Amino acid sequence: MDYALTGARVVRLKSGDAGIFGRLEEEITALRAAKIPFEVIPGVPSACAAAALAQIPLTRRLTARRVQFVTGHDVTGHLPDTLNMAALADPQATTVVYMGKRTFPALVAALLAHGLAPDTPAILAEAVSHPGQAIARTTITALAERPSQDIGEAPALILYGPLAEGDA
């Protein structure tokens, strides 16, 4: 902001879409408060890029009737206790968990308690739209059982639901 206040042109480039679990609202509020003109150019949401990498759609008539994006952790780093587990356990939805590698075992325990099948297909998509991007196809329970050191440090999304079983 200091550079922008001097009249310099500043670009804030963010991977994905800053409006989905990004800091877009905070940044817009700060820019407006400082009376700095700005433009928001949306990016491709990471969920869409991950689905393209996995060569699957996010929705399908009759079997994946909606897509839902959810954050995998709150400000303390834990699974948010305000998540609607009944909705997240819907077997006819594609769910995309942002920033959820560390909390996924807790999420899966709650999903199973709400009736989601243990063999529900899942995809771990890491470093999406970056060199070294990778996907791993599995099930929600197999992914939840992976030791934390096996899941790595790369930014990741977890997609689960009926469409996650497509061929890689």
Foldseek 3Di string as FASTA:
>chain_A
DVCLVVVDDDDDDDPAFCVAPHCVVVVVVVCVVVVRDDDGDGDHHLVCLQCVVQVWDQADPPQAHEEEEEEQQDPVREGDPPDPLLVVLPQRHKYKYFPRLVHLLVSVVSSVVNPRDQFWKKKKWFPGPHPVTDIDIGGSNVSSPDPSVVVDDTGIMMITHDGNPDDD
